[in-house]
């Protein structure tokens, strides 16, 4: 194949290709001076745009990676805000103020705020944090510790018409049937049942039922049920429930309930050993004073009875019929005694309190924690936190007893409908009556039906200060996390 060149002008160059095929001519025009500049500029622009695109892509990827780091850091900061708030709540369950802007040493960004709202069963904590203009929010639902209720029980509450709640909330993890309490009198009291809940009378606060809610009376607050709410004439099995609900109604709601602790005494087995089964308040106080620690922890392997330690007319004593009356027994004294210090008195078995016992002044609080039953006497006033893994009961006389603080019990003893205000009512006196005039009645006032009964009225008043002093040291049902999730930035 031969190539032949023809040059007409210096600015033209024609290349001819001779072949058996028709001639194909490739012409290269050498334009006038500067004619290649647009091509060069076009190529330059294309390359510049391509380079800029690649640069923007690289920068975007880098910026995206930086934002991912900020998102992660902001999330961690928001979670740190939750943990700070939780630590504060452990120290003071009544704390509701939340947190303002908070910076952490050596950490970029800051916690903008942490808000706390209380619901019947739980606290909701919402934390918002910011790092380099990137915000993240975290929400956590915490089950209320059982000791933040005036009364919390793992069992049922049934026909407890002699139970009066003067302040604080009520929780039963099973059913509450016909609970005829004075619902806080003039206070706002909330009631929650893990099973069905029947409300009689007027409830100033809100009602929560894991099952169905039956309203025979009035609920001033909200009503929430995992099942159906029967009120305003709604009928169930032929019975009409005509109760009124003034707040909002929520039906078919999934409600997580806290669990009841097993072996509530277990965290305290390492405390100072109580070697006797009966102690006086003075003996217990001396051990608390000499413990050299806060709280003073005393532990009994077995059952424990605490008495006033001096004579009285209401307990076990000898009343001699010879004209000389001696009250020399070790029976119950319902005159009020006072204690000092922060202490936890625990036992693997039952605890029986045979005297009135209150804190001497502010800053003092005792907790009584029984792995078994907890029994108090009638006509007594008690102050502190009372926890048992068995059954709570009230023995002796039918007089009203008062608990200031919190009562956490696996089961509440059955209400004994008998009257205990008359001498000898339902009581079996163990003693001898000699006909020689020196009659000796060594009666111990023991009820033949005493086990696991509530005799007479019990008034419970939630005392936030007593709970606050003890809360850092209590380990029963403590701050169970129900949910932990990212949240919207808009509240």
Foldseek 3Di string as FASTA:
>chain_A
DDWDWDDPDPQWTWIWDDDPDPIDIDTDGNDDPPPCVVVVVVVVVVVVVVVVVVVVVVVVVVVVVVVVVQQVLQVVQQVVLVVVVQVVCLLAVVDFPWAAWADDPPGAWIWHTWGWDDDQFWIKIKTWTGGPRDIFIKIFTWGAFQLQALEEAAAEAEPPLQEEEQAGEYEYAAEYYPHNYCQNVPDQYEYEYVAEYEDDAEHAYEYEYQAEYAYQEEYAEEYEYLAYYAECQRDDPRDTRHYYYNYYYYYNDHDDHFDFDAQQQVVQPPAAEDPDQEDEPVVVQVQCVPQPDVRHEYEYAEHHEYANQAFDDQFFAKQWQPPDGDRHDRTADADEDEHAHEYEYEYAEEYEYRYAYYHPDFPGAYEYEYQEEYEYEANHEYEHEYYYAYEYEYDDAQHEYEYEAHYYYHYYFAEDPDHRHDPPVQWDFDAAQDPPSGGIGRGGRDHPPRPRYYHHHYYGYHDSRRCSSCSSPRDISHTHIPDMDIDDPPD
